[in-house]
Amino acid sequence: MLNEDIIARAGIVGAIRAFFDSRGFIEVDTPVRIAAPAPEPNIDCPPCGGKFLRASPELQMKKLLAQGMEKIYQIGPCFRDGENGSRHNDEFTMIEWYRKGCDDADIMRDAAELLNHLGVKSEPEVLSVRDAYRKFAGWDPFEVFDHDRFDFDMSEKIEPNLDGWTFLSGYPPECASLAKIEAGIAQRWELYFGSLEIANCFTELCDESEQRMRFAAAREQRRRLGEADYPLDEEFLASLPLIGSAAGVALGIDRLVMALLGKSTIAQARIL
């Protein structure tokens, strides 16, 4: 990474902090090494001293919401075992922010305002997942869901057809992960710059029993894939009813820098 790019990256991170600080968010720091990561298929956390390096601070930040925090953000390192390439690195920098009493539409407005604050002048397009699959893949994943086909078409037919800044919004319930489902639609969006995924947002699921069932299904899927099992974070599950309602988003700083500085690889956008 060239010195001028290091300086530009520092300016972007500083501007992000200024944006959230000016809007009353509190910056927090949660542990990088955790005992119980969220059991998501195909996301592996590197083991470290009897615990795991986090893929996300999500569960720990939601516990802070349950303790009474209202608007929080965190910028820090995250890790995914075995992910390396032009758009992936096994260590990367993430910002996550969460707000109580709001939904994914509120966080979408935050993200659009952040982009504007960082110098992006064009308003991002909002495209529904259903419309994207009908237009570019020729089928409706809400009518008959096929997980393998959904993932394949996302990478081969949907993402290559996205242009500029796009919010891809409203996912099939099978893709809800930790998101709330309303009227058969997962309250989730992802932000893209062209085909480059930048961020992933949920209206948070705050139902302990439903989240426990989803974690059980995810652990079973990880077992079938031969992936490591993670213990359940019982403290997180017990905290969910205390949150009430909230929404949050994880945004990759390195990929955002790629987009803003016109870089083609993640190595050009982070200090390695």
C-alpha atoms as a PDB file:
ATOM      1  CA  MET A   1       0.000   0.000   0.000  1.00  0.00           C
ATOM      2  CA  LEU A   2       1.500   3.329  -1.085  1.00  0.00           C
ATOM      3  CA  ASN A   3       2.042   6.097   1.457  1.00  0.00           C
ATOM      4  CA  GLU A   4      -0.534   8.372  -0.205  1.00  0.00           C
ATOM      5  CA  ASP A   5      -3.087   5.566   0.002  1.00  0.00           C
ATOM      6  CA  ILE A   6      -2.316   5.031   3.701  1.00  0.00           C
ATOM      7  CA  ILE A   7      -2.949   8.743   4.284  1.00  0.00           C
ATOM      8  CA  ALA A   8      -6.176   8.637   2.239  1.00  0.00           C
ATOM      9  CA  ARG A   9      -7.396   5.582   4.146  1.00  0.00           C
ATOM     10  CA  ALA A  10      -6.691   7.325   7.460  1.00  0.00           C
ATOM     11  CA  GLY A  11      -8.723  10.292   6.249  1.00  0.00           C
ATOM     12  CA  ILE A  12     -11.667   8.039   5.374  1.00  0.00           C
ATOM     13  CA  VAL A  13     -11.600   6.321   8.775  1.00  0.00           C
ATOM     14  CA  GLY A  14     -11.337   9.686  10.514  1.00  0.00           C
ATOM     15  CA  ALA A  15     -14.299  11.016   8.534  1.00  0.00           C
ATOM     16  CA  ILE A  16     -16.357   7.942   9.476  1.00  0.00           C
ATOM     17  CA  ARG A  17     -15.634   8.507  13.168  1.00  0.00           C
ATOM     18  CA  ALA A  18     -16.532  12.184  12.853  1.00  0.00           C
ATOM     19  CA  PHE A  19     -19.821  11.262  11.157  1.00  0.00           C
ATOM     20  CA  PHE A  20     -20.964   8.968  13.962  1.00  0.00           C
ATOM     21  CA  ASP A  21     -19.607  11.108  16.784  1.00  0.00           C
ATOM     22  CA  SER A  22     -21.519  14.122  15.446  1.00  0.00           C
ATOM     23  CA  ARG A  23     -24.756  12.097  15.481  1.00  0.00           C
ATOM     24  CA  GLY A  24     -24.565  11.048  19.101  1.00  0.00           C
ATOM     25  CA  PHE A  25     -23.220   7.525  18.638  1.00  0.00           C
ATOM     26  CA  ILE A  26     -20.887   6.140  21.311  1.00  0.00           C
ATOM     27  CA  GLU A  27     -17.777   4.345  20.110  1.00  0.00           C
ATOM     28  CA  VAL A  28     -17.259   1.039  21.921  1.00  0.00           C
ATOM     29  CA  ASP A  29     -14.622  -1.698  22.026  1.00  0.00           C
ATOM     30  CA  THR A  30     -15.570  -5.328  22.586  1.00  0.00           C
ATOM     31  CA  PRO A  31     -13.288  -8.384  22.808  1.00  0.00           C
ATOM     32  CA  VAL A  32     -11.554  -9.575  19.652  1.00  0.00           C
ATOM     33  CA  ARG A  33     -11.130 -13.058  21.130  1.00  0.00           C
ATOM     34  CA  ILE A  34     -14.500 -14.623  21.975  1.00  0.00           C
ATOM     35  CA  ALA A  35     -15.733 -17.973  23.305  1.00  0.00           C
ATOM     36  CA  ALA A  36     -18.886 -18.403  21.229  1.00  0.00           C
ATOM     37  CA  PRO A  37     -19.092 -16.989  17.681  1.00  0.00           C
ATOM     38  CA  ALA A  38     -22.404 -16.928  15.844  1.00  0.00           C
ATOM     39  CA  PRO A  39     -22.729 -20.324  14.110  1.00  0.00           C
ATOM     40  CA  GLU A  40     -23.007 -19.208  10.485  1.00  0.00           C
ATOM     41  CA  PRO A  41     -22.328 -21.781   7.728  1.00  0.00           C
ATOM     42  CA  ASN A  42     -19.215 -21.097   5.631  1.00  0.00           C
ATOM     43  CA  ILE A  43     -17.858 -18.509   8.078  1.00  0.00           C
ATOM     44  CA  ASP A  44     -15.007 -19.946  10.143  1.00  0.00           C
ATOM     45  CA  CYS A  45     -13.348 -18.072  12.996  1.00  0.00           C
ATOM     46  CA  PRO A  46      -9.667 -18.838  13.601  1.00  0.00           C
ATOM     47  CA  PRO A  47      -9.065 -20.589  16.954  1.00  0.00           C
ATOM     48  CA  CYS A  48      -6.945 -18.610  19.390  1.00  0.00           C
ATOM     49  CA  GLY A  49      -5.922 -19.699  22.889  1.00  0.00           C
ATOM     50  CA  GLY A  50      -8.989 -21.820  23.588  1.00  0.00           C
ATOM     51  CA  LYS A  51     -11.307 -19.195  22.096  1.00  0.00           C
ATOM     52  CA  PHE A  52     -11.864 -17.776  18.606  1.00  0.00           C
ATOM     53  CA  LEU A  53     -10.938 -14.585  16.815  1.00  0.00           C
ATOM     54  CA  ARG A  54     -14.209 -12.855  15.982  1.00  0.00           C
ATOM     55  CA  ALA A  55     -15.690 -12.678  12.501  1.00  0.00           C
ATOM     56  CA  SER A  56     -17.872  -9.841  13.807  1.00  0.00           C
ATOM     57  CA  PRO A  57     -18.498  -7.991  17.089  1.00  0.00           C
ATOM     58  CA  GLU A  58     -22.262  -8.361  16.520  1.00  0.00           C
ATOM     59  CA  LEU A  59     -23.245 -10.519  19.493  1.00  0.00           C
ATOM     60  CA  GLN A  60     -21.136  -8.503  21.927  1.00  0.00           C
ATOM     61  CA  MET A  61     -22.542  -5.197  20.677  1.00  0.00           C
ATOM     62  CA  LYS A  62     -26.117  -6.418  20.990  1.00  0.00           C
ATOM     63  CA  LYS A  63     -25.410  -7.283  24.622  1.00  0.00           C
ATOM     64  CA  LEU A  64     -24.568  -3.602  25.100  1.00  0.00           C
ATOM     65  CA  LEU A  65     -27.948  -2.673  23.618  1.00  0.00           C
ATOM     66  CA  ALA A  66     -29.566  -5.008  26.138  1.00  0.00           C
ATOM     67  CA  GLN A  67     -27.707  -3.163  28.914  1.00  0.00           C
ATOM     68  CA  GLY A  68     -29.289   0.114  27.833  1.00  0.00           C
ATOM     69  CA  MET A  69     -26.960   1.602  25.215  1.00  0.00           C
ATOM     70  CA  GLU A  70     -28.964   3.325  22.463  1.00  0.00           C
ATOM     71  CA  LYS A  71     -26.614   4.224  19.594  1.00  0.00           C
ATOM     72  CA  ILE A  72     -23.208   2.555  19.328  1.00  0.00           C
ATOM     73  CA  TYR A  73     -20.507   1.922  16.765  1.00  0.00           C
ATOM     74  CA  GLN A  74     -17.215   0.052  16.647  1.00  0.00           C
ATOM     75  CA  ILE A  75     -14.287   0.067  14.208  1.00  0.00           C
ATOM     76  CA  GLY A  76     -11.851  -2.806  14.551  1.00  0.00           C
ATOM     77  CA  PRO A  77     -10.262  -5.994  13.233  1.00  0.00           C
ATOM     78  CA  CYS A  78     -12.257  -9.089  12.307  1.00  0.00           C
ATOM     79  CA  PHE A  79     -11.128 -12.472  11.019  1.00  0.00           C
ATOM     80  CA  ARG A  80     -12.319 -15.288   8.755  1.00  0.00           C
ATOM     81  CA  ASP A  81     -10.242 -18.419   8.455  1.00  0.00           C
ATOM     82  CA  GLY A  82      -9.115 -19.315   4.945  1.00  0.00           C
ATOM     83  CA  GLU A  83     -10.517 -16.271   3.141  1.00  0.00           C
ATOM     84  CA  ASN A  84      -7.909 -14.735   0.850  1.00  0.00           C
ATOM     85  CA  GLY A  85      -8.179 -13.250  -2.620  1.00  0.00           C
ATOM     86  CA  SER A  86      -8.626 -10.006  -4.516  1.00  0.00           C
ATOM     87  CA  ARG A  87     -11.703  -9.117  -2.420  1.00  0.00           C
ATOM     88  CA  HIS A  88     -11.047 -11.127   0.740  1.00  0.00           C
ATOM     89  CA  ASN A  89      -8.438 -11.189   3.452  1.00  0.00           C
ATOM     90  CA  ASP A  90      -8.414 -13.420   6.510  1.00  0.00           C
ATOM     91  CA  GLU A  91      -7.949 -10.271   8.637  1.00  0.00           C
ATOM     92  CA  PHE A  92     -10.018  -7.223   7.772  1.00  0.00           C
ATOM     93  CA  THR A  93     -11.380  -4.023   9.306  1.00  0.00           C
ATOM     94  CA  MET A  94     -15.083  -3.604   9.991  1.00  0.00           C
ATOM     95  CA  ILE A  95     -17.345  -0.882  11.269  1.00  0.00           C
ATOM     96  CA  GLU A  96     -20.607  -1.979  12.843  1.00  0.00           C
ATOM     97  CA  TRP A  97     -23.253   0.380  14.161  1.00  0.00           C
ATOM     98  CA  TYR A  98     -26.508  -0.331  15.992  1.00  0.00           C
ATOM     99  CA  ARG A  99     -29.527   1.727  17.005  1.00  0.00           C
ATOM    100  CA  LYS A 100     -32.348   0.769  19.348  1.00  0.00           C
ATOM    101  CA  GLY A 101     -35.945   1.464  18.399  1.00  0.00           C
ATOM    102  CA  CYS A 102     -35.364   1.525  14.653  1.00  0.00           C
ATOM    103  CA  ASP A 103     -35.340  -0.779  11.622  1.00  0.00           C
ATOM    104  CA  ASP A 104     -33.285  -1.509   8.519  1.00  0.00           C
ATOM    105  CA  ALA A 105     -34.837   1.466   6.684  1.00  0.00           C
ATOM    106  CA  ASP A 106     -33.397   3.805   9.349  1.00  0.00           C
ATOM    107  CA  ILE A 107     -29.955   2.218   8.990  1.00  0.00           C
ATOM    108  CA  MET A 108     -30.225   2.533   5.197  1.00  0.00           C
ATOM    109  CA  ARG A 109     -30.663   6.289   5.667  1.00  0.00           C
ATOM    110  CA  ASP A 110     -27.608   6.321   7.948  1.00  0.00           C
ATOM    111  CA  ALA A 111     -25.569   4.536   5.294  1.00  0.00           C
ATOM    112  CA  ALA A 112     -26.711   6.855   2.489  1.00  0.00           C
ATOM    113  CA  GLU A 113     -25.864   9.898   4.619  1.00  0.00           C
ATOM    114  CA  LEU A 114     -22.465   8.389   5.464  1.00  0.00           C
ATOM    115  CA  LEU A 115     -21.680   7.899   1.778  1.00  0.00           C
ATOM    116  CA  ASN A 116     -22.634  11.510   1.113  1.00  0.00           C
ATOM    117  CA  HIS A 117     -20.430  12.605   4.019  1.00  0.00           C
ATOM    118  CA  LEU A 118     -17.549  10.697   2.410  1.00  0.00           C
ATOM    119  CA  GLY A 119     -18.015  12.487  -0.909  1.00  0.00           C
ATOM    120  CA  VAL A 120     -20.321  10.136  -2.808  1.00  0.00           C
ATOM    121  CA  LYS A 121     -22.685  12.469  -4.664  1.00  0.00           C
ATOM    122  CA  SER A 122     -25.028   9.996  -6.356  1.00  0.00           C
ATOM    123  CA  GLU A 123     -27.988   8.613  -4.408  1.00  0.00           C
ATOM    124  CA  PRO A 124     -27.746   4.797  -4.148  1.00  0.00           C
ATOM    125  CA  GLU A 125     -30.384   2.806  -6.028  1.00  0.00           C
ATOM    126  CA  VAL A 126     -32.709   0.635  -3.926  1.00  0.00           C
ATOM    127  CA  LEU A 127     -33.428  -2.691  -5.655  1.00  0.00           C
ATOM    128  CA  SER A 128     -35.503  -5.475  -4.133  1.00  0.00           C
ATOM    129  CA  VAL A 129     -34.059  -8.990  -4.126  1.00  0.00           C
ATOM    130  CA  ARG A 130     -37.265 -10.275  -5.729  1.00  0.00           C
ATOM    131  CA  ASP A 131     -37.045  -7.786  -8.613  1.00  0.00           C
ATOM    132  CA  ALA A 132     -33.324  -8.464  -9.081  1.00  0.00           C
ATOM    133  CA  TYR A 133     -33.839 -12.227  -9.429  1.00  0.00           C
ATOM    134  CA  ARG A 134     -36.838 -11.835 -11.723  1.00  0.00           C
ATOM    135  CA  LYS A 135     -34.940  -9.420 -13.956  1.00  0.00           C
ATOM    136  CA  PHE A 136     -31.462 -10.945 -14.047  1.00  0.00           C
ATOM    137  CA  ALA A 137     -31.974 -14.630 -13.135  1.00  0.00           C
ATOM    138  CA  GLY A 138     -35.456 -15.318 -14.466  1.00  0.00           C
ATOM    139  CA  TRP A 139     -37.023 -16.763 -11.297  1.00  0.00           C
ATOM    140  CA  ASP A 140     -38.569 -15.704  -8.006  1.00  0.00           C
ATOM    141  CA  PRO A 141     -36.750 -17.097  -4.933  1.00  0.00           C
ATOM    142  CA  PHE A 142     -39.768 -16.254  -2.784  1.00  0.00           C
ATOM    143  CA  GLU A 143     -41.972 -18.711  -4.675  1.00  0.00           C
ATOM    144  CA  VAL A 144     -39.719 -21.780  -4.580  1.00  0.00           C
ATOM    145  CA  PHE A 145     -36.450 -21.314  -2.696  1.00  0.00           C
ATOM    146  CA  ASP A 146     -33.324 -23.189  -3.794  1.00  0.00           C
ATOM    147  CA  HIS A 147     -30.312 -22.253  -1.651  1.00  0.00           C
ATOM    148  CA  ASP A 148     -27.635 -23.463  -4.061  1.00  0.00           C
ATOM    149  CA  ARG A 149     -29.323 -21.788  -7.018  1.00  0.00           C
ATOM    150  CA  PHE A 150     -29.845 -18.600  -5.017  1.00  0.00           C
ATOM    151  CA  ASP A 151     -26.143 -18.387  -4.088  1.00  0.00           C
ATOM    152  CA  PHE A 152     -24.945 -19.287  -7.590  1.00  0.00           C
ATOM    153  CA  ASP A 153     -27.205 -16.768  -9.282  1.00  0.00           C
ATOM    154  CA  MET A 154     -26.268 -14.075  -6.772  1.00  0.00           C
ATOM    155  CA  SER A 155     -22.590 -14.324  -7.729  1.00  0.00           C
ATOM    156  CA  GLU A 156     -23.044 -15.100 -11.435  1.00  0.00           C
ATOM    157  CA  LYS A 157     -26.171 -13.169 -12.472  1.00  0.00           C
ATOM    158  CA  ILE A 158     -27.172 -10.583  -9.863  1.00  0.00           C
ATOM    159  CA  GLU A 159     -23.940  -9.009  -8.634  1.00  0.00           C
ATOM    160  CA  PRO A 160     -22.377  -8.630 -12.143  1.00  0.00           C
ATOM    161  CA  ASN A 161     -25.440  -6.621 -13.217  1.00  0.00           C
ATOM    162  CA  LEU A 162     -25.363  -4.149 -10.331  1.00  0.00           C
ATOM    163  CA  ASP A 163     -24.109  -0.711 -11.290  1.00  0.00           C
ATOM    164  CA  GLY A 164     -22.847   2.034  -9.010  1.00  0.00           C
ATOM    165  CA  TRP A 165     -24.066   2.168  -5.416  1.00  0.00           C
ATOM    166  CA  THR A 166     -27.012  -0.179  -4.796  1.00  0.00           C
ATOM    167  CA  PHE A 167     -28.999  -1.279  -1.753  1.00  0.00           C
ATOM    168  CA  LEU A 168     -30.186  -4.840  -2.467  1.00  0.00           C
ATOM    169  CA  SER A 169     -33.099  -5.127  -0.059  1.00  0.00           C
ATOM    170  CA  GLY A 170     -35.645  -7.641   1.271  1.00  0.00           C
ATOM    171  CA  TYR A 171     -34.324 -11.209   1.346  1.00  0.00           C
ATOM    172  CA  PRO A 172     -36.163 -14.552   1.323  1.00  0.00           C
ATOM    173  CA  PRO A 173     -36.835 -15.800   4.878  1.00  0.00           C
ATOM    174  CA  GLU A 174     -34.360 -18.655   4.319  1.00  0.00           C
ATOM    175  CA  CYS A 175     -31.627 -16.000   4.154  1.00  0.00           C
ATOM    176  CA  ALA A 176     -32.650 -14.172   7.326  1.00  0.00           C
ATOM    177  CA  SER A 177     -29.687 -15.250   9.506  1.00  0.00           C
ATOM    178  CA  LEU A 178     -30.089 -12.904  12.512  1.00  0.00           C
ATOM    179  CA  ALA A 179     -32.693 -10.667  10.830  1.00  0.00           C
ATOM    180  CA  LYS A 180     -36.355 -10.211  11.714  1.00  0.00           C
ATOM    181  CA  ILE A 181     -38.926 -11.613   9.262  1.00  0.00           C
ATOM    182  CA  GLU A 182     -42.081  -9.638   8.482  1.00  0.00           C
ATOM    183  CA  ALA A 183     -44.772 -10.639   5.966  1.00  0.00           C
ATOM    184  CA  GLY A 184     -42.535 -13.424   4.680  1.00  0.00           C
ATOM    185  CA  ILE A 185     -39.590 -11.108   3.952  1.00  0.00           C
ATOM    186  CA  ALA A 186     -36.306 -10.955   5.868  1.00  0.00           C
ATOM    187  CA  GLN A 187     -35.747  -7.344   6.940  1.00  0.00           C
ATOM    188  CA  ARG A 188     -32.237  -7.274   5.533  1.00  0.00           C
ATOM    189  CA  TRP A 189     -30.285  -5.333   2.932  1.00  0.00           C
ATOM    190  CA  GLU A 190     -26.798  -5.398   1.484  1.00  0.00           C
ATOM    191  CA  LEU A 191     -24.950  -2.415   0.045  1.00  0.00           C
ATOM    192  CA  TYR A 192     -22.975  -2.868  -3.165  1.00  0.00           C
ATOM    193  CA  PHE A 193     -20.611  -0.777  -5.230  1.00  0.00           C
ATOM    194  CA  GLY A 194     -20.930  -2.425  -8.608  1.00  0.00           C
ATOM    195  CA  SER A 195     -20.498  -6.119  -7.859  1.00  0.00           C
ATOM    196  CA  LEU A 196     -18.521  -5.443  -4.665  1.00  0.00           C
ATOM    197  CA  GLU A 197     -20.485  -6.133  -1.480  1.00  0.00           C
ATOM    198  CA  ILE A 198     -19.776  -3.417   1.081  1.00  0.00           C
ATOM    199  CA  ALA A 199     -22.259  -3.878   3.955  1.00  0.00           C
ATOM    200  CA  ASN A 200     -24.915  -6.196   5.405  1.00  0.00           C
ATOM    201  CA  CYS A 201     -27.800  -4.865   7.533  1.00  0.00           C
ATOM    202  CA  PHE A 202     -30.555  -6.460   9.637  1.00  0.00           C
ATOM    203  CA  THR A 203     -33.591  -5.341  11.504  1.00  0.00           C
ATOM    204  CA  GLU A 204     -32.480  -7.414  14.452  1.00  0.00           C
ATOM    205  CA  LEU A 205     -34.282 -10.537  15.556  1.00  0.00           C
ATOM    206  CA  CYS A 206     -34.935 -10.025  19.279  1.00  0.00           C
ATOM    207  CA  ASP A 207     -36.885 -13.247  19.910  1.00  0.00           C
ATOM    208  CA  GLU A 208     -34.813 -15.643  22.030  1.00  0.00           C
ATOM    209  CA  SER A 209     -36.648 -18.845  21.097  1.00  0.00           C
ATOM    210  CA  GLU A 210     -36.610 -18.087  17.361  1.00  0.00           C
ATOM    211  CA  GLN A 211     -32.919 -17.173  17.435  1.00  0.00           C
ATOM    212  CA  ARG A 212     -32.146 -20.357  19.373  1.00  0.00           C
ATOM    213  CA  MET A 213     -33.911 -22.417  16.668  1.00  0.00           C
ATOM    214  CA  ARG A 214     -31.991 -20.629  13.917  1.00  0.00           C
ATOM    215  CA  PHE A 215     -28.694 -21.223  15.688  1.00  0.00           C
ATOM    216  CA  ALA A 216     -29.566 -24.921  16.063  1.00  0.00           C
ATOM    217  CA  ALA A 217     -30.287 -25.176  12.331  1.00  0.00           C
ATOM    218  CA  ALA A 218     -27.054 -23.344  11.493  1.00  0.00           C
ATOM    219  CA  ARG A 219     -25.020 -25.635  13.765  1.00  0.00           C
ATOM    220  CA  GLU A 220     -26.557 -28.674  12.059  1.00  0.00           C
ATOM    221  CA  GLN A 221     -25.664 -27.254   8.658  1.00  0.00           C
ATOM    222  CA  ARG A 222     -22.112 -26.608   9.824  1.00  0.00           C
ATOM    223  CA  ARG A 223     -21.930 -30.212  11.030  1.00  0.00           C
ATOM    224  CA  ARG A 224     -23.056 -31.489   7.614  1.00  0.00           C
ATOM    225  CA  LEU A 225     -20.406 -29.317   5.945  1.00  0.00           C
ATOM    226  CA  GLY A 226     -17.704 -30.672   8.255  1.00  0.00           C
ATOM    227  CA  GLU A 227     -17.146 -27.284   9.876  1.00  0.00           C
ATOM    228  CA  ALA A 228     -16.227 -26.681  13.516  1.00  0.00           C
ATOM    229  CA  ASP A 229     -19.041 -26.498  16.041  1.00  0.00           C
ATOM    230  CA  TYR A 230     -19.282 -23.428  18.257  1.00  0.00           C
ATOM    231  CA  PRO A 231     -20.858 -23.327  21.709  1.00  0.00           C
ATOM    232  CA  LEU A 232     -24.003 -21.262  22.098  1.00  0.00           C
ATOM    233  CA  ASP A 233     -23.609 -17.803  23.598  1.00  0.00           C
ATOM    234  CA  GLU A 234     -26.278 -18.197  26.255  1.00  0.00           C
ATOM    235  CA  GLU A 235     -25.669 -14.696  27.598  1.00  0.00           C
ATOM    236  CA  PHE A 236     -26.439 -13.265  24.152  1.00  0.00           C
ATOM    237  CA  LEU A 237     -29.591 -15.342  23.749  1.00  0.00           C
ATOM    238  CA  ALA A 238     -30.854 -14.327  27.185  1.00  0.00           C
ATOM    239  CA  SER A 239     -30.197 -10.659  26.395  1.00  0.00           C
ATOM    240  CA  LEU A 240     -32.391 -10.534  23.269  1.00  0.00           C
ATOM    241  CA  PRO A 241     -35.737  -9.808  24.983  1.00  0.00           C
ATOM    242  CA  LEU A 242     -34.099  -6.886  26.815  1.00  0.00           C
ATOM    243  CA  ILE A 243     -33.256  -5.137  23.541  1.00  0.00           C
ATOM    244  CA  GLY A 244     -36.851  -4.617  22.449  1.00  0.00           C
ATOM    245  CA  SER A 245     -36.212  -3.519  18.883  1.00  0.00           C
ATOM    246  CA  ALA A 246     -33.060  -2.510  17.041  1.00  0.00           C
ATOM    247  CA  ALA A 247     -31.240  -2.576  13.738  1.00  0.00           C
ATOM    248  CA  GLY A 248     -27.590  -2.689  12.825  1.00  0.00           C
ATOM    249  CA  VAL A 249     -25.122  -3.091  10.002  1.00  0.00           C
ATOM    250  CA  ALA A 250     -21.628  -4.428   9.358  1.00  0.00           C
ATOM    251  CA  LEU A 251     -19.645  -2.455   6.779  1.00  0.00           C
ATOM    252  CA  GLY A 252     -16.244  -3.524   5.473  1.00  0.00           C
ATOM    253  CA  ILE A 253     -13.804  -0.635   5.765  1.00  0.00           C
ATOM    254  CA  ASP A 254     -11.286  -2.198   3.366  1.00  0.00           C
ATOM    255  CA  ARG A 255     -13.885  -2.690   0.628  1.00  0.00           C
ATOM    256  CA  LEU A 256     -15.238   0.813   1.203  1.00  0.00           C
ATOM    257  CA  VAL A 257     -11.708   2.160   0.734  1.00  0.00           C
ATOM    258  CA  MET A 258     -11.417   0.074  -2.447  1.00  0.00           C
ATOM    259  CA  ALA A 259     -14.576   1.702  -3.789  1.00  0.00           C
ATOM    260  CA  LEU A 260     -13.716   5.265  -2.763  1.00  0.00           C
ATOM    261  CA  LEU A 261     -10.085   5.145  -3.967  1.00  0.00           C
ATOM    262  CA  GLY A 262     -10.736   3.104  -7.118  1.00  0.00           C
ATOM    263  CA  LYS A 263      -8.626   0.115  -6.069  1.00  0.00           C
ATOM    264  CA  SER A 264      -9.063  -3.321  -7.658  1.00  0.00           C
ATOM    265  CA  THR A 265      -7.777  -5.503  -4.801  1.00  0.00           C
ATOM    266  CA  ILE A 266      -8.185  -5.502  -1.054  1.00  0.00           C
ATOM    267  CA  ALA A 267      -4.375  -5.539  -0.681  1.00  0.00           C
ATOM    268  CA  GLN A 268      -4.297  -2.051  -2.224  1.00  0.00           C
ATOM    269  CA  ALA A 269      -6.815  -0.788   0.339  1.00  0.00           C
ATOM    270  CA  ARG A 270      -5.396  -2.003   3.647  1.00  0.00           C
ATOM    271  CA  ILE A 271      -2.032  -2.079   5.389  1.00  0.00           C
ATOM    272  CA  LEU A 272      -0.858  -5.706   5.166  1.00  0.00           C
END
